[in-house]
């Protein structure tokens, strides 16, 4: 079993759950299980073509999948998948 952690902004979609146990022997299997548990996450993570949205990063044991040179492949039983979303905007008083 692997663990997926989500940013607080996605907790609205999961009923405030931010740490989810998933099954699967590969990264893809684990992500498929995540979506099976919380189908509404799909639109927040992937675009219509199935590619990761530009502002979303998935780390597997701290390694960014976006910049990996090879397919992520097999998962260790205690792997940690961390989903991050870039957030921008806001107000600053700095000038």
C-alpha atoms as a PDB file:
ATOM      1  CA  UNK A   1       0.000   0.000   0.000  1.00  0.00           C
ATOM      2  CA  UNK A   2       1.195   3.478  -0.876  1.00  0.00           C
ATOM      3  CA  UNK A   3       0.120   6.812   0.576  1.00  0.00           C
ATOM      4  CA  UNK A   4      -1.008   9.873  -1.351  1.00  0.00           C
ATOM      5  CA  UNK A   5      -0.922  13.297   0.268  1.00  0.00           C
ATOM      6  CA  UNK A   6      -2.941  16.142  -1.179  1.00  0.00           C
ATOM      7  CA  UNK A   7      -2.721  19.901  -0.741  1.00  0.00           C
ATOM      8  CA  UNK A   8      -5.327  21.569   1.437  1.00  0.00           C
ATOM      9  CA  UNK A   9      -6.964  23.150  -1.625  1.00  0.00           C
ATOM     10  CA  UNK A  10      -8.027  19.675  -2.851  1.00  0.00           C
ATOM     11  CA  UNK A  11      -9.403  18.641   0.545  1.00  0.00           C
ATOM     12  CA  UNK A  12     -12.688  20.251  -0.458  1.00  0.00           C
ATOM     13  CA  UNK A  13     -13.033  17.541  -3.110  1.00  0.00           C
ATOM     14  CA  UNK A  14     -12.196  14.692  -0.724  1.00  0.00           C
ATOM     15  CA  UNK A  15     -14.247  15.723   2.293  1.00  0.00           C
ATOM     16  CA  UNK A  16     -11.199  17.156   4.108  1.00  0.00           C
ATOM     17  CA  UNK A  17      -9.175  13.955   3.653  1.00  0.00           C
ATOM     18  CA  UNK A  18      -5.587  14.831   2.742  1.00  0.00           C
ATOM     19  CA  UNK A  19      -3.837  11.504   3.301  1.00  0.00           C
ATOM     20  CA  UNK A  20      -5.167   8.564   1.314  1.00  0.00           C
ATOM     21  CA  UNK A  21      -3.994   4.962   1.270  1.00  0.00           C
ATOM     22  CA  UNK A  22      -3.953   3.505  -2.232  1.00  0.00           C
ATOM     23  CA  UNK A  23      -3.126   0.105  -3.635  1.00  0.00           C
ATOM     24  CA  UNK A  24      -1.181  -0.784  -6.719  1.00  0.00           C
ATOM     25  CA  UNK A  25       2.185  -2.102  -7.722  1.00  0.00           C
ATOM     26  CA  UNK A  26       2.937   0.820 -10.074  1.00  0.00           C
ATOM     27  CA  UNK A  27       2.517   4.576  -9.915  1.00  0.00           C
ATOM     28  CA  UNK A  28      -0.233   4.354 -12.522  1.00  0.00           C
ATOM     29  CA  UNK A  29      -2.056   1.669 -10.514  1.00  0.00           C
ATOM     30  CA  UNK A  30      -1.856   3.851  -7.396  1.00  0.00           C
ATOM     31  CA  UNK A  31      -3.184   6.903  -9.247  1.00  0.00           C
ATOM     32  CA  UNK A  32      -5.969   4.792 -10.767  1.00  0.00           C
ATOM     33  CA  UNK A  33      -6.940   3.665  -7.259  1.00  0.00           C
ATOM     34  CA  UNK A  34      -6.871   7.277  -6.043  1.00  0.00           C
ATOM     35  CA  UNK A  35      -9.328   8.239  -8.792  1.00  0.00           C
ATOM     36  CA  UNK A  36     -11.464   5.168  -8.091  1.00  0.00           C
ATOM     37  CA  UNK A  37     -11.775   6.395  -4.492  1.00  0.00           C
ATOM     38  CA  UNK A  38     -12.262  10.072  -5.384  1.00  0.00           C
ATOM     39  CA  UNK A  39     -13.359  10.362  -9.048  1.00  0.00           C
ATOM     40  CA  UNK A  40     -13.883  14.117  -8.708  1.00  0.00           C
ATOM     41  CA  UNK A  41     -10.098  14.579  -8.363  1.00  0.00           C
ATOM     42  CA  UNK A  42      -9.508  13.680 -12.017  1.00  0.00           C
ATOM     43  CA  UNK A  43     -10.498  17.089 -13.401  1.00  0.00           C
ATOM     44  CA  UNK A  44      -8.213  18.842 -10.894  1.00  0.00           C
ATOM     45  CA  UNK A  45      -5.139  16.752 -11.732  1.00  0.00           C
ATOM     46  CA  UNK A  46      -5.322  15.981 -15.468  1.00  0.00           C
ATOM     47  CA  UNK A  47      -6.499  17.897 -18.509  1.00  0.00           C
ATOM     48  CA  UNK A  48      -8.856  16.575 -21.181  1.00  0.00           C
ATOM     49  CA  UNK A  49      -5.999  14.826 -23.008  1.00  0.00           C
ATOM     50  CA  UNK A  50      -4.900  12.964 -19.866  1.00  0.00           C
ATOM     51  CA  UNK A  51      -1.772  15.065 -19.296  1.00  0.00           C
ATOM     52  CA  UNK A  52      -0.960  16.495 -15.875  1.00  0.00           C
ATOM     53  CA  UNK A  53      -2.293  20.023 -15.568  1.00  0.00           C
ATOM     54  CA  UNK A  54       0.580  22.551 -15.833  1.00  0.00           C
ATOM     55  CA  UNK A  55       0.171  23.721 -12.229  1.00  0.00           C
ATOM     56  CA  UNK A  56       0.134  20.184 -10.738  1.00  0.00           C
ATOM     57  CA  UNK A  57       3.208  18.240  -9.666  1.00  0.00           C
ATOM     58  CA  UNK A  58       3.341  14.642  -8.488  1.00  0.00           C
ATOM     59  CA  UNK A  59       6.293  13.534  -6.402  1.00  0.00           C
ATOM     60  CA  UNK A  60       7.040   9.873  -5.733  1.00  0.00           C
ATOM     61  CA  UNK A  61       9.247   9.565  -2.674  1.00  0.00           C
ATOM     62  CA  UNK A  62      10.346  13.150  -3.330  1.00  0.00           C
ATOM     63  CA  UNK A  63      11.094  12.637  -7.039  1.00  0.00           C
ATOM     64  CA  UNK A  64       9.192  14.871  -9.461  1.00  0.00           C
ATOM     65  CA  UNK A  65       7.488  12.733 -12.111  1.00  0.00           C
ATOM     66  CA  UNK A  66       7.297  15.648 -14.539  1.00  0.00           C
ATOM     67  CA  UNK A  67      11.072  15.756 -14.890  1.00  0.00           C
ATOM     68  CA  UNK A  68      11.728  12.013 -14.685  1.00  0.00           C
ATOM     69  CA  UNK A  69      13.598  10.703 -17.701  1.00  0.00           C
ATOM     70  CA  UNK A  70      11.968   7.285 -17.493  1.00  0.00           C
ATOM     71  CA  UNK A  71       8.526   5.959 -16.631  1.00  0.00           C
ATOM     72  CA  UNK A  72       8.031   5.797 -12.864  1.00  0.00           C
ATOM     73  CA  UNK A  73       7.364   2.045 -12.932  1.00  0.00           C
ATOM     74  CA  UNK A  74       7.041  -0.088  -9.817  1.00  0.00           C
ATOM     75  CA  UNK A  75       6.167   1.339  -6.425  1.00  0.00           C
ATOM     76  CA  UNK A  76       7.747   0.378  -3.161  1.00  0.00           C
ATOM     77  CA  UNK A  77       5.073  -0.911  -0.740  1.00  0.00           C
ATOM     78  CA  UNK A  78       5.442   2.135   1.519  1.00  0.00           C
ATOM     79  CA  UNK A  79       5.819   4.737  -1.255  1.00  0.00           C
ATOM     80  CA  UNK A  80       4.690   8.301  -0.700  1.00  0.00           C
ATOM     81  CA  UNK A  81       3.007  10.124  -3.579  1.00  0.00           C
ATOM     82  CA  UNK A  82       2.713  13.846  -2.956  1.00  0.00           C
ATOM     83  CA  UNK A  83       0.422  15.950  -5.122  1.00  0.00           C
ATOM     84  CA  UNK A  84       1.222  19.674  -5.182  1.00  0.00           C
ATOM     85  CA  UNK A  85      -0.599  22.528  -6.893  1.00  0.00           C
ATOM     86  CA  UNK A  86       0.971  25.870  -7.630  1.00  0.00           C
ATOM     87  CA  UNK A  87      -0.909  28.802  -6.175  1.00  0.00           C
ATOM     88  CA  UNK A  88      -0.393  32.373  -7.280  1.00  0.00           C
ATOM     89  CA  UNK A  89      -1.961  35.747  -6.880  1.00  0.00           C
ATOM     90  CA  UNK A  90      -2.869  37.613  -3.777  1.00  0.00           C
ATOM     91  CA  UNK A  91      -1.919  40.992  -2.487  1.00  0.00           C
ATOM     92  CA  UNK A  92       1.449  42.278  -1.413  1.00  0.00           C
ATOM     93  CA  UNK A  93       2.331  45.534   0.292  1.00  0.00           C
ATOM     94  CA  UNK A  94       5.945  45.208  -0.858  1.00  0.00           C
ATOM     95  CA  UNK A  95       6.959  47.685  -3.538  1.00  0.00           C
END
